[in-house]
Amino acid sequence: MLKTRLDLDRIRAARRVIDPVFLDTPLFPCDALGRALGCAVSVKLETANPVRSFKARGTELVTGLLKDRGQTAAVCASAGNLGWALAWSGRRRGLDVTVVASHRAPAAKLDRIRALDTALELVDGDFEAARERAADIARRRGIRLVEDSLDLETCEGAATIGLELAREAPSRGGEPGFDAVLIALGGGAMATGVGHVLKELAPGVEVICVQPQGAPAMTLSWRERRVVSTASADTIADGVAGRHPIPEVLDDLLQVADDTVLVREESIVAGMRMLLEHAGLVVEPSAALGVAAVLEDPARFAGRHVVTIICGGNVNLDDYHRWVRP
């Protein structure tokens, strides 16, 4: 029995709360990408929804709970994707949502939050500065502070991806036909959620988390089995650029992750380019971390069948063109 904060029955029940538009996202083999990488590759496409990321699976649970309790407002800190998702889910339920983000956050993500008539406050500094400001707003206004990865709903919402992976790719023996899943690792909601489900339902699948070398806090913490904070986070993968791991999330990750790996920036860019060339997918840097992991250690994955979760597709096009052009 896994000793994490997550519960498989609650995760199954979450599917009844989440808007179906965010569920059952495409899972398909990508032969061209697999040939280029030297292994069988299937893609779980979490960008095929109204907010172009997996985050709304969690915000649907958060806002549903707030509505049931008669609460009317919430605030979050976000690098962009969580804020857009919370704004989308909150508007659907008539909630007043405030998003705090860094001035450094991608303009494309911020513009989409504004388009939902959501209050958006920008702060100097990085995500950690935004987190501090969001907490201050929550205290001052007496409203719900939505904390990605710490809030169980964000983890168990993301965990529904794991249910779909286990269900949609069965082999004759009943186990998934893939033997490893590559998960972008930032705060840890997706990694702990998907990892929990696969360890419960498909324990033979290797759960591999991937972070940029420039933002390694959670990976360093997993390796040392204690929280390790970093002074800075320097990566184009803004969606996973945290510096202070949450202890409760690390405890969960230690139970469900088989490995965590760090990848170079040039490998992330190469992964983005390969996803465009071989899968026709325009993705943000965080979504290319799985491909980057295979590029950096091809011998580890040779002859295997891996699933990489394409977690987000919100990227400034000017930045994207600058990165992917040879």
C-alpha atoms as a PDB file:
ATOM      1  CA  MET A   1       0.000   0.000   0.000  1.00  0.00           C
ATOM      2  CA  LEU A   2       1.418   3.363  -1.045  1.00  0.00           C
ATOM      3  CA  LYS A   3       1.816   5.842   1.801  1.00  0.00           C
ATOM      4  CA  THR A   4       1.098   9.087   0.006  1.00  0.00           C
ATOM      5  CA  ARG A   5      -1.510  11.797   0.501  1.00  0.00           C
ATOM      6  CA  LEU A   6      -3.365  10.551  -2.598  1.00  0.00           C
ATOM      7  CA  ASP A   7      -6.221   8.063  -2.724  1.00  0.00           C
ATOM      8  CA  LEU A   8      -7.158   5.939  -5.724  1.00  0.00           C
ATOM      9  CA  ASP A   9     -10.893   6.008  -4.992  1.00  0.00           C
ATOM     10  CA  ARG A  10     -10.878   9.809  -4.805  1.00  0.00           C
ATOM     11  CA  ILE A  11      -8.934   9.974  -8.048  1.00  0.00           C
ATOM     12  CA  ARG A  12     -11.539   7.787  -9.758  1.00  0.00           C
ATOM     13  CA  ALA A  13     -14.301   9.976  -8.317  1.00  0.00           C
ATOM     14  CA  ALA A  14     -12.547  13.077  -9.665  1.00  0.00           C
ATOM     15  CA  ARG A  15     -13.512  12.124 -13.200  1.00  0.00           C
ATOM     16  CA  ARG A  16     -17.133  12.898 -12.310  1.00  0.00           C
ATOM     17  CA  VAL A  17     -16.220  16.460 -11.296  1.00  0.00           C
ATOM     18  CA  ILE A  18     -13.806  17.408 -14.068  1.00  0.00           C
ATOM     19  CA  ASP A  19     -15.363  18.840 -17.224  1.00  0.00           C
ATOM     20  CA  PRO A  20     -15.169  16.032 -19.815  1.00  0.00           C
ATOM     21  CA  VAL A  21     -13.446  18.412 -22.218  1.00  0.00           C
ATOM     22  CA  PHE A  22     -10.265  17.856 -20.179  1.00  0.00           C
ATOM     23  CA  LEU A  23     -10.569  14.073 -19.919  1.00  0.00           C
ATOM     24  CA  ASP A  24      -9.551  11.224 -22.231  1.00  0.00           C
ATOM     25  CA  THR A  25      -6.955  13.257 -24.069  1.00  0.00           C
ATOM     26  CA  PRO A  26      -5.324  11.562 -27.070  1.00  0.00           C
ATOM     27  CA  LEU A  27      -2.787   8.814 -26.470  1.00  0.00           C
ATOM     28  CA  PHE A  28      -1.159   7.593 -29.640  1.00  0.00           C
ATOM     29  CA  PRO A  29       2.021   5.965 -30.914  1.00  0.00           C
ATOM     30  CA  CYS A  30       4.310   8.308 -32.829  1.00  0.00           C
ATOM     31  CA  ASP A  31       6.352   6.056 -35.075  1.00  0.00           C
ATOM     32  CA  ALA A  32       8.342   8.855 -36.705  1.00  0.00           C
ATOM     33  CA  LEU A  33       9.430  10.233 -33.357  1.00  0.00           C
ATOM     34  CA  GLY A  34      10.235   6.741 -32.143  1.00  0.00           C
ATOM     35  CA  ARG A  35      12.459   6.056 -35.140  1.00  0.00           C
ATOM     36  CA  ALA A  36      14.335   9.286 -34.526  1.00  0.00           C
ATOM     37  CA  LEU A  37      14.825   8.445 -30.850  1.00  0.00           C
ATOM     38  CA  GLY A  38      15.571   4.754 -31.210  1.00  0.00           C
ATOM     39  CA  CYS A  39      12.682   3.432 -29.137  1.00  0.00           C
ATOM     40  CA  ALA A  40       8.910   3.081 -29.331  1.00  0.00           C
ATOM     41  CA  VAL A  41       7.256   6.338 -28.274  1.00  0.00           C
ATOM     42  CA  SER A  42       3.644   7.099 -27.466  1.00  0.00           C
ATOM     43  CA  VAL A  43       2.434  10.631 -26.810  1.00  0.00           C
ATOM     44  CA  LYS A  44      -0.160  11.615 -24.193  1.00  0.00           C
ATOM     45  CA  LEU A  45      -1.423  14.941 -25.516  1.00  0.00           C
ATOM     46  CA  GLU A  46      -2.490  17.160 -22.626  1.00  0.00           C
ATOM     47  CA  THR A  47      -2.627  20.250 -24.860  1.00  0.00           C
ATOM     48  CA  ALA A  48      -5.827  19.152 -26.621  1.00  0.00           C
ATOM     49  CA  ASN A  49      -8.177  21.158 -24.411  1.00  0.00           C
ATOM     50  CA  PRO A  50      -9.346  24.773 -23.914  1.00  0.00           C
ATOM     51  CA  VAL A  51      -6.381  25.804 -21.733  1.00  0.00           C
ATOM     52  CA  ARG A  52      -3.715  23.796 -23.587  1.00  0.00           C
ATOM     53  CA  SER A  53      -2.306  22.100 -20.488  1.00  0.00           C
ATOM     54  CA  PHE A  54      -3.116  19.452 -17.900  1.00  0.00           C
ATOM     55  CA  LYS A  55      -3.646  22.013 -15.136  1.00  0.00           C
ATOM     56  CA  ALA A  56      -7.437  22.277 -15.446  1.00  0.00           C
ATOM     57  CA  ARG A  57      -7.816  18.679 -14.280  1.00  0.00           C
ATOM     58  CA  GLY A  58      -6.818  20.005 -10.866  1.00  0.00           C
ATOM     59  CA  THR A  59      -8.499  23.410 -10.968  1.00  0.00           C
ATOM     60  CA  GLU A  60     -11.795  21.755 -11.823  1.00  0.00           C
ATOM     61  CA  LEU A  61     -11.609  19.898  -8.509  1.00  0.00           C
ATOM     62  CA  VAL A  62     -10.529  22.992  -6.591  1.00  0.00           C
ATOM     63  CA  THR A  63     -13.287  25.231  -7.924  1.00  0.00           C
ATOM     64  CA  GLY A  64     -15.917  22.521  -7.625  1.00  0.00           C
ATOM     65  CA  LEU A  65     -15.076  22.167  -3.933  1.00  0.00           C
ATOM     66  CA  LEU A  66     -15.157  25.943  -3.425  1.00  0.00           C
ATOM     67  CA  LYS A  67     -18.558  26.161  -5.078  1.00  0.00           C
ATOM     68  CA  ASP A  68     -19.932  23.355  -2.933  1.00  0.00           C
ATOM     69  CA  ARG A  69     -18.731  25.160   0.205  1.00  0.00           C
ATOM     70  CA  GLY A  70     -20.259  28.470  -0.836  1.00  0.00           C
ATOM     71  CA  GLN A  71     -16.898  30.196  -1.235  1.00  0.00           C
ATOM     72  CA  THR A  72     -16.747  32.843  -3.923  1.00  0.00           C
ATOM     73  CA  ALA A  73     -13.102  33.737  -4.525  1.00  0.00           C
ATOM     74  CA  ALA A  74      -9.629  32.276  -4.918  1.00  0.00           C
ATOM     75  CA  VAL A  75      -6.111  33.437  -5.653  1.00  0.00           C
ATOM     76  CA  CYS A  76      -3.080  31.598  -6.993  1.00  0.00           C
ATOM     77  CA  ALA A  77       0.502  32.188  -8.005  1.00  0.00           C
ATOM     78  CA  SER A  78       1.274  30.904 -11.449  1.00  0.00           C
ATOM     79  CA  ALA A  79       3.885  30.749 -14.171  1.00  0.00           C
ATOM     80  CA  GLY A  80       0.892  30.967 -16.507  1.00  0.00           C
ATOM     81  CA  ASN A  81      -0.742  27.602 -17.038  1.00  0.00           C
ATOM     82  CA  LEU A  82      -2.262  27.185 -13.571  1.00  0.00           C
ATOM     83  CA  GLY A  83      -3.568  30.740 -13.673  1.00  0.00           C
ATOM     84  CA  TRP A  84      -5.283  30.244 -17.010  1.00  0.00           C
ATOM     85  CA  ALA A  85      -6.769  26.961 -15.827  1.00  0.00           C
ATOM     86  CA  LEU A  86      -8.012  28.430 -12.540  1.00  0.00           C
ATOM     87  CA  ALA A  87      -9.492  31.399 -14.397  1.00  0.00           C
ATOM     88  CA  TRP A  88     -11.280  29.058 -16.812  1.00  0.00           C
ATOM     89  CA  SER A  89     -12.648  26.766 -14.105  1.00  0.00           C
ATOM     90  CA  GLY A  90     -13.535  29.683 -11.848  1.00  0.00           C
ATOM     91  CA  ARG A  91     -15.473  31.525 -14.525  1.00  0.00           C
ATOM     92  CA  ARG A  92     -17.443  28.351 -15.267  1.00  0.00           C
ATOM     93  CA  ARG A  93     -18.559  28.299 -11.632  1.00  0.00           C
ATOM     94  CA  GLY A  94     -19.005  32.030 -11.084  1.00  0.00           C
ATOM     95  CA  LEU A  95     -15.964  32.478  -8.838  1.00  0.00           C
ATOM     96  CA  ASP A  96     -13.825  35.604  -8.469  1.00  0.00           C
ATOM     97  CA  VAL A  97     -10.274  34.563  -9.363  1.00  0.00           C
ATOM     98  CA  THR A  98      -7.052  36.534  -8.926  1.00  0.00           C
ATOM     99  CA  VAL A  99      -3.800  35.364 -10.491  1.00  0.00           C
ATOM    100  CA  VAL A 100      -0.370  36.587  -9.414  1.00  0.00           C
ATOM    101  CA  ALA A 101       2.494  36.068 -11.840  1.00  0.00           C
ATOM    102  CA  SER A 102       6.000  37.292 -12.467  1.00  0.00           C
ATOM    103  CA  HIS A 103       6.666  39.997 -15.032  1.00  0.00           C
ATOM    104  CA  ARG A 104       8.967  37.356 -16.557  1.00  0.00           C
ATOM    105  CA  ALA A 105       6.099  34.941 -17.307  1.00  0.00           C
ATOM    106  CA  PRO A 106       5.451  34.344 -21.019  1.00  0.00           C
ATOM    107  CA  ALA A 107       3.258  37.082 -22.472  1.00  0.00           C
ATOM    108  CA  ALA A 108       1.127  34.519 -24.328  1.00  0.00           C
ATOM    109  CA  LYS A 109       0.090  32.907 -21.044  1.00  0.00           C
ATOM    110  CA  LEU A 110      -0.647  36.240 -19.385  1.00  0.00           C
ATOM    111  CA  ASP A 111      -2.717  37.433 -22.341  1.00  0.00           C
ATOM    112  CA  ARG A 112      -4.923  34.355 -22.108  1.00  0.00           C
ATOM    113  CA  ILE A 113      -5.561  34.956 -18.428  1.00  0.00           C
ATOM    114  CA  ARG A 114      -6.558  38.552 -19.163  1.00  0.00           C
ATOM    115  CA  ALA A 115      -8.862  37.375 -21.946  1.00  0.00           C
ATOM    116  CA  LEU A 116     -11.023  35.663 -19.317  1.00  0.00           C
ATOM    117  CA  ASP A 117     -11.512  38.988 -17.481  1.00  0.00           C
ATOM    118  CA  THR A 118      -9.512  37.628 -14.566  1.00  0.00           C
ATOM    119  CA  ALA A 119      -7.678  39.929 -12.165  1.00  0.00           C
ATOM    120  CA  LEU A 120      -3.972  39.600 -12.935  1.00  0.00           C
ATOM    121  CA  GLU A 121      -1.261  41.072 -10.726  1.00  0.00           C
ATOM    122  CA  LEU A 122       2.349  41.061 -11.896  1.00  0.00           C
ATOM    123  CA  VAL A 123       5.296  41.180  -9.514  1.00  0.00           C
ATOM    124  CA  ASP A 124       9.025  41.634  -9.835  1.00  0.00           C
ATOM    125  CA  GLY A 125      11.127  38.542  -9.287  1.00  0.00           C
ATOM    126  CA  ASP A 126      10.383  34.919 -10.095  1.00  0.00           C
ATOM    127  CA  PHE A 127       7.628  32.454  -9.263  1.00  0.00           C
ATOM    128  CA  GLU A 128       8.587  32.358  -5.605  1.00  0.00           C
ATOM    129  CA  ALA A 129       7.940  36.109  -5.348  1.00  0.00           C
ATOM    130  CA  ALA A 130       4.537  35.556  -6.955  1.00  0.00           C
ATOM    131  CA  ARG A 131       3.797  32.810  -4.437  1.00  0.00           C
ATOM    132  CA  GLU A 132       4.561  35.137  -1.530  1.00  0.00           C
ATOM    133  CA  ARG A 133       2.305  37.861  -2.946  1.00  0.00           C
ATOM    134  CA  ALA A 134      -0.561  35.429  -3.578  1.00  0.00           C
ATOM    135  CA  ALA A 135      -0.340  34.212   0.018  1.00  0.00           C
ATOM    136  CA  ASP A 136      -0.489  37.823   1.228  1.00  0.00           C
ATOM    137  CA  ILE A 137      -3.615  38.495  -0.861  1.00  0.00           C
ATOM    138  CA  ALA A 138      -5.279  35.361   0.490  1.00  0.00           C
ATOM    139  CA  ARG A 139      -4.590  36.392   4.085  1.00  0.00           C
ATOM    140  CA  ARG A 140      -5.716  39.961   3.558  1.00  0.00           C
ATOM    141  CA  ARG A 141      -8.949  39.082   1.754  1.00  0.00           C
ATOM    142  CA  GLY A 142      -9.686  35.873   3.615  1.00  0.00           C
ATOM    143  CA  ILE A 143     -10.001  33.828   0.416  1.00  0.00           C
ATOM    144  CA  ARG A 144      -8.731  30.459  -0.757  1.00  0.00           C
ATOM    145  CA  LEU A 145      -5.080  30.320  -1.719  1.00  0.00           C
ATOM    146  CA  VAL A 146      -4.696  27.675  -4.416  1.00  0.00           C
ATOM    147  CA  GLU A 147      -1.221  26.169  -4.132  1.00  0.00           C
ATOM    148  CA  ASP A 148      -0.256  23.899  -6.985  1.00  0.00           C
ATOM    149  CA  SER A 149       1.083  20.514  -5.851  1.00  0.00           C
ATOM    150  CA  LEU A 150       0.509  21.258  -2.158  1.00  0.00           C
ATOM    151  CA  ASP A 151      -3.270  21.258  -2.648  1.00  0.00           C
ATOM    152  CA  LEU A 152      -4.328  17.655  -2.973  1.00  0.00           C
ATOM    153  CA  GLU A 153      -6.922  18.477  -5.633  1.00  0.00           C
ATOM    154  CA  THR A 154      -4.182  19.585  -8.039  1.00  0.00           C
ATOM    155  CA  CYS A 155      -2.394  16.268  -7.580  1.00  0.00           C
ATOM    156  CA  GLU A 156      -5.465  14.049  -7.754  1.00  0.00           C
ATOM    157  CA  GLY A 157      -6.802  15.945 -10.753  1.00  0.00           C
ATOM    158  CA  ALA A 158      -3.520  15.356 -12.568  1.00  0.00           C
ATOM    159  CA  ALA A 159      -3.648  11.739 -11.413  1.00  0.00           C
ATOM    160  CA  THR A 160      -6.606  11.111 -13.714  1.00  0.00           C
ATOM    161  CA  ILE A 161      -4.026  11.115 -16.515  1.00  0.00           C
ATOM    162  CA  GLY A 162      -2.639   7.984 -14.911  1.00  0.00           C
ATOM    163  CA  LEU A 163      -6.049   6.314 -14.979  1.00  0.00           C
ATOM    164  CA  GLU A 164      -6.235   6.960 -18.705  1.00  0.00           C
ATOM    165  CA  LEU A 165      -2.742   5.679 -19.323  1.00  0.00           C
ATOM    166  CA  ALA A 166      -3.451   2.458 -17.462  1.00  0.00           C
ATOM    167  CA  ARG A 167      -6.782   1.967 -19.219  1.00  0.00           C
ATOM    168  CA  GLU A 168      -6.035   3.004 -22.773  1.00  0.00           C
ATOM    169  CA  ALA A 169      -2.879   1.073 -23.447  1.00  0.00           C
ATOM    170  CA  PRO A 170      -3.511  -2.491 -22.261  1.00  0.00           C
ATOM    171  CA  SER A 171      -1.439  -5.440 -23.378  1.00  0.00           C
ATOM    172  CA  ARG A 172      -2.610  -9.019 -23.462  1.00  0.00           C
ATOM    173  CA  GLY A 173      -1.399  -9.538 -19.900  1.00  0.00           C
ATOM    174  CA  GLY A 174      -3.491  -6.647 -18.646  1.00  0.00           C
ATOM    175  CA  GLU A 175      -0.511  -4.382 -17.992  1.00  0.00           C
ATOM    176  CA  PRO A 176       0.064  -1.225 -20.049  1.00  0.00           C
ATOM    177  CA  GLY A 177       1.923  -1.884 -23.264  1.00  0.00           C
ATOM    178  CA  PHE A 178       4.535   0.714 -22.326  1.00  0.00           C
ATOM    179  CA  ASP A 179       7.252   0.130 -19.763  1.00  0.00           C
ATOM    180  CA  ALA A 180       8.185   3.706 -18.821  1.00  0.00           C
ATOM    181  CA  VAL A 181       6.474   7.070 -18.514  1.00  0.00           C
ATOM    182  CA  LEU A 182       8.389  10.350 -18.741  1.00  0.00           C
ATOM    183  CA  ILE A 183       6.893  13.156 -16.658  1.00  0.00           C
ATOM    184  CA  ALA A 184       7.925  16.807 -16.488  1.00  0.00           C
ATOM    185  CA  LEU A 185       8.801  17.629 -12.883  1.00  0.00           C
ATOM    186  CA  GLY A 186       8.216  21.052 -11.396  1.00  0.00           C
ATOM    187  CA  GLY A 187       6.156  21.419  -8.241  1.00  0.00           C
ATOM    188  CA  GLY A 188       5.279  17.733  -8.472  1.00  0.00           C
ATOM    189  CA  ALA A 189       1.490  17.569  -8.934  1.00  0.00           C
ATOM    190  CA  MET A 190       1.602  15.628 -12.200  1.00  0.00           C
ATOM    191  CA  ALA A 191       4.537  13.453 -11.169  1.00  0.00           C
ATOM    192  CA  THR A 192       3.031  12.417  -7.847  1.00  0.00           C
ATOM    193  CA  GLY A 193      -0.472  12.023  -9.281  1.00  0.00           C
ATOM    194  CA  VAL A 194       0.384   9.949 -12.324  1.00  0.00           C
ATOM    195  CA  GLY A 195       3.066   8.096 -10.405  1.00  0.00           C
ATOM    196  CA  HIS A 196       0.640   7.125  -7.635  1.00  0.00           C
ATOM    197  CA  VAL A 197      -1.892   5.663 -10.054  1.00  0.00           C
ATOM    198  CA  LEU A 198       0.655   3.728 -12.088  1.00  0.00           C
ATOM    199  CA  LYS A 199       2.287   2.275  -8.985  1.00  0.00           C
ATOM    200  CA  GLU A 200      -1.147   1.103  -7.857  1.00  0.00           C
ATOM    201  CA  LEU A 201      -2.441  -0.204 -11.195  1.00  0.00           C
ATOM    202  CA  ALA A 202       0.677  -0.894 -13.269  1.00  0.00           C
ATOM    203  CA  PRO A 203       3.645  -1.317 -10.917  1.00  0.00           C
ATOM    204  CA  GLY A 204       5.848  -2.654 -13.715  1.00  0.00           C
ATOM    205  CA  VAL A 205       5.929   0.756 -15.397  1.00  0.00           C
ATOM    206  CA  GLU A 206       9.021   2.819 -14.591  1.00  0.00           C
ATOM    207  CA  VAL A 207       8.085   6.331 -13.483  1.00  0.00           C
ATOM    208  CA  ILE A 208      10.826   8.734 -14.605  1.00  0.00           C
ATOM    209  CA  CYS A 209      10.642  12.434 -13.771  1.00  0.00           C
ATOM    210  CA  VAL A 210      12.562  14.998 -15.790  1.00  0.00           C
ATOM    211  CA  GLN A 211      13.766  18.483 -14.821  1.00  0.00           C
ATOM    212  CA  PRO A 212      16.047  21.059 -16.431  1.00  0.00           C
ATOM    213  CA  GLN A 213      19.570  21.297 -15.074  1.00  0.00           C
ATOM    214  CA  GLY A 214      18.919  24.999 -14.526  1.00  0.00           C
ATOM    215  CA  ALA A 215      15.973  24.344 -12.173  1.00  0.00           C
ATOM    216  CA  PRO A 216      16.935  21.175 -10.276  1.00  0.00           C
ATOM    217  CA  ALA A 217      15.470  21.735  -6.804  1.00  0.00           C
ATOM    218  CA  MET A 218      12.986  18.866  -6.713  1.00  0.00           C
ATOM    219  CA  THR A 219      15.404  16.420  -8.329  1.00  0.00           C
ATOM    220  CA  LEU A 220      18.146  17.315  -5.839  1.00  0.00           C
ATOM    221  CA  SER A 221      15.614  16.920  -3.046  1.00  0.00           C
ATOM    222  CA  TRP A 222      14.503  13.494  -4.326  1.00  0.00           C
ATOM    223  CA  ARG A 223      18.095  12.328  -4.549  1.00  0.00           C
ATOM    224  CA  GLU A 224      18.986  13.508  -1.044  1.00  0.00           C
ATOM    225  CA  ARG A 225      15.597  12.575   0.449  1.00  0.00           C
ATOM    226  CA  ARG A 226      15.246  16.013   2.014  1.00  0.00           C
ATOM    227  CA  VAL A 227      14.160  19.437   0.798  1.00  0.00           C
ATOM    228  CA  VAL A 228      16.935  21.166  -1.114  1.00  0.00           C
ATOM    229  CA  SER A 229      16.214  24.734  -2.216  1.00  0.00           C
ATOM    230  CA  THR A 230      18.185  26.585  -4.856  1.00  0.00           C
ATOM    231  CA  ALA A 231      19.136  30.241  -5.019  1.00  0.00           C
ATOM    232  CA  SER A 232      17.943  30.616  -8.601  1.00  0.00           C
ATOM    233  CA  ALA A 233      16.179  28.889 -11.456  1.00  0.00           C
ATOM    234  CA  ASP A 234      17.574  29.482 -14.927  1.00  0.00           C
ATOM    235  CA  THR A 235      15.736  27.651 -17.706  1.00  0.00           C
ATOM    236  CA  ILE A 236      13.501  28.323 -20.683  1.00  0.00           C
ATOM    237  CA  ALA A 237      11.087  25.761 -19.177  1.00  0.00           C
ATOM    238  CA  ASP A 238       9.264  28.353 -17.079  1.00  0.00           C
ATOM    239  CA  GLY A 239       6.502  25.940 -16.108  1.00  0.00           C
ATOM    240  CA  VAL A 240       8.880  23.877 -13.948  1.00  0.00           C
ATOM    241  CA  ALA A 241      11.172  26.621 -12.679  1.00  0.00           C
ATOM    242  CA  GLY A 242      10.566  26.397  -8.936  1.00  0.00           C
ATOM    243  CA  ARG A 243      13.256  26.876  -6.275  1.00  0.00           C
ATOM    244  CA  HIS A 244      11.631  25.705  -3.032  1.00  0.00           C
ATOM    245  CA  PRO A 245      10.160  22.172  -3.034  1.00  0.00           C
ATOM    246  CA  ILE A 246       7.136  21.538  -0.825  1.00  0.00           C
ATOM    247  CA  PRO A 247       7.986  18.937   1.863  1.00  0.00           C
ATOM    248  CA  GLU A 248       4.660  17.092   1.627  1.00  0.00           C
ATOM    249  CA  VAL A 249       5.005  16.790  -2.145  1.00  0.00           C
ATOM    250  CA  LEU A 250       8.555  15.505  -1.843  1.00  0.00           C
ATOM    251  CA  ASP A 251       7.348  12.840   0.588  1.00  0.00           C
ATOM    252  CA  ASP A 252       4.822  11.688  -2.014  1.00  0.00           C
ATOM    253  CA  LEU A 253       7.375  11.791  -4.828  1.00  0.00           C
ATOM    254  CA  LEU A 254       9.771   9.610  -2.882  1.00  0.00           C
ATOM    255  CA  GLN A 255       7.074   6.907  -2.811  1.00  0.00           C
ATOM    256  CA  VAL A 256       6.184   6.899  -6.505  1.00  0.00           C
ATOM    257  CA  ALA A 257       9.154   8.034  -8.622  1.00  0.00           C
ATOM    258  CA  ASP A 258      11.654   5.417  -9.746  1.00  0.00           C
ATOM    259  CA  ASP A 259      14.087   8.027 -10.993  1.00  0.00           C
ATOM    260  CA  THR A 260      14.511  11.737 -11.586  1.00  0.00           C
ATOM    261  CA  VAL A 261      16.885  13.048 -14.242  1.00  0.00           C
ATOM    262  CA  LEU A 262      18.222  16.445 -15.232  1.00  0.00           C
ATOM    263  CA  VAL A 263      18.556  17.567 -18.850  1.00  0.00           C
ATOM    264  CA  ARG A 264      20.413  20.367 -20.594  1.00  0.00           C
ATOM    265  CA  GLU A 265      18.759  23.372 -22.228  1.00  0.00           C
ATOM    266  CA  GLU A 266      20.019  22.372 -25.665  1.00  0.00           C
ATOM    267  CA  SER A 267      18.322  18.992 -25.286  1.00  0.00           C
ATOM    268  CA  ILE A 268      15.031  20.688 -24.378  1.00  0.00           C
ATOM    269  CA  VAL A 269      15.237  22.799 -27.524  1.00  0.00           C
ATOM    270  CA  ALA A 270      16.122  19.745 -29.603  1.00  0.00           C
ATOM    271  CA  GLY A 271      13.111  17.961 -28.111  1.00  0.00           C
ATOM    272  CA  MET A 272      10.810  20.831 -29.073  1.00  0.00           C
ATOM    273  CA  ARG A 273      12.184  20.738 -32.591  1.00  0.00           C
ATOM    274  CA  MET A 274      11.684  16.963 -32.850  1.00  0.00           C
ATOM    275  CA  LEU A 275       8.103  17.172 -31.600  1.00  0.00           C
ATOM    276  CA  LEU A 276       7.391  19.723 -34.315  1.00  0.00           C
ATOM    277  CA  GLU A 277       9.173  17.825 -37.063  1.00  0.00           C
ATOM    278  CA  HIS A 278       8.044  14.287 -36.226  1.00  0.00           C
ATOM    279  CA  ALA A 279       4.703  14.804 -34.466  1.00  0.00           C
ATOM    280  CA  GLY A 280       3.489  18.148 -35.781  1.00  0.00           C
ATOM    281  CA  LEU A 281       3.261  19.515 -32.228  1.00  0.00           C
ATOM    282  CA  VAL A 282       4.087  23.048 -31.106  1.00  0.00           C
ATOM    283  CA  VAL A 283       4.875  22.711 -27.401  1.00  0.00           C
ATOM    284  CA  GLU A 284       6.261  24.779 -24.576  1.00  0.00           C
ATOM    285  CA  PRO A 285       9.691  23.794 -23.241  1.00  0.00           C
ATOM    286  CA  SER A 286       8.345  21.862 -20.239  1.00  0.00           C
ATOM    287  CA  ALA A 287       6.482  19.522 -22.590  1.00  0.00           C
ATOM    288  CA  ALA A 288       9.718  18.543 -24.334  1.00  0.00           C
ATOM    289  CA  LEU A 289      11.489  17.338 -21.193  1.00  0.00           C
ATOM    290  CA  GLY A 290      10.591  13.694 -21.806  1.00  0.00           C
ATOM    291  CA  VAL A 291      12.050  13.729 -25.307  1.00  0.00           C
ATOM    292  CA  ALA A 292      15.121  15.503 -23.953  1.00  0.00           C
ATOM    293  CA  ALA A 293      15.644  12.682 -21.457  1.00  0.00           C
ATOM    294  CA  VAL A 294      15.692  10.091 -24.241  1.00  0.00           C
ATOM    295  CA  LEU A 295      18.053  12.215 -26.323  1.00  0.00           C
ATOM    296  CA  GLU A 296      20.541  12.414 -23.466  1.00  0.00           C
ATOM    297  CA  ASP A 297      20.491   8.699 -22.595  1.00  0.00           C
ATOM    298  CA  PRO A 298      19.416   6.736 -25.692  1.00  0.00           C
ATOM    299  CA  ALA A 299      20.952   3.477 -24.493  1.00  0.00           C
ATOM    300  CA  ARG A 300      18.658   3.454 -21.462  1.00  0.00           C
ATOM    301  CA  PHE A 301      15.543   3.513 -23.641  1.00  0.00           C
ATOM    302  CA  ALA A 302      16.677   1.486 -26.660  1.00  0.00           C
ATOM    303  CA  GLY A 303      14.163  -1.263 -27.436  1.00  0.00           C
ATOM    304  CA  ARG A 304      11.672   0.016 -24.893  1.00  0.00           C
ATOM    305  CA  HIS A 305       8.197   1.581 -25.231  1.00  0.00           C
ATOM    306  CA  VAL A 306       7.946   4.911 -23.447  1.00  0.00           C
ATOM    307  CA  VAL A 307       5.090   7.362 -22.991  1.00  0.00           C
ATOM    308  CA  THR A 308       5.916  11.032 -22.806  1.00  0.00           C
ATOM    309  CA  ILE A 309       3.260  13.378 -21.434  1.00  0.00           C
ATOM    310  CA  ILE A 310       2.943  16.550 -23.493  1.00  0.00           C
ATOM    311  CA  CYS A 311       1.927  18.722 -20.572  1.00  0.00           C
ATOM    312  CA  GLY A 312       1.559  22.182 -22.121  1.00  0.00           C
ATOM    313  CA  GLY A 313       1.468  24.090 -25.372  1.00  0.00           C
ATOM    314  CA  ASN A 314       1.465  27.714 -24.220  1.00  0.00           C
ATOM    315  CA  VAL A 315       4.513  29.420 -25.657  1.00  0.00           C
ATOM    316  CA  ASN A 316       5.344  32.818 -27.096  1.00  0.00           C
ATOM    317  CA  LEU A 317       5.681  32.261 -30.812  1.00  0.00           C
ATOM    318  CA  ASP A 318       8.608  34.667 -31.151  1.00  0.00           C
ATOM    319  CA  ASP A 319      10.511  32.733 -28.496  1.00  0.00           C
ATOM    320  CA  TYR A 320       9.494  29.437 -30.025  1.00  0.00           C
ATOM    321  CA  HIS A 321      10.725  30.402 -33.485  1.00  0.00           C
ATOM    322  CA  ARG A 322      14.004  31.638 -32.040  1.00  0.00           C
ATOM    323  CA  TRP A 323      14.520  28.365 -30.181  1.00  0.00           C
ATOM    324  CA  VAL A 324      13.550  25.819 -32.805  1.00  0.00           C
ATOM    325  CA  ARG A 325      15.089  27.368 -35.886  1.00  0.00           C
ATOM    326  CA  PRO A 326      18.398  25.629 -36.649  1.00  0.00           C
END
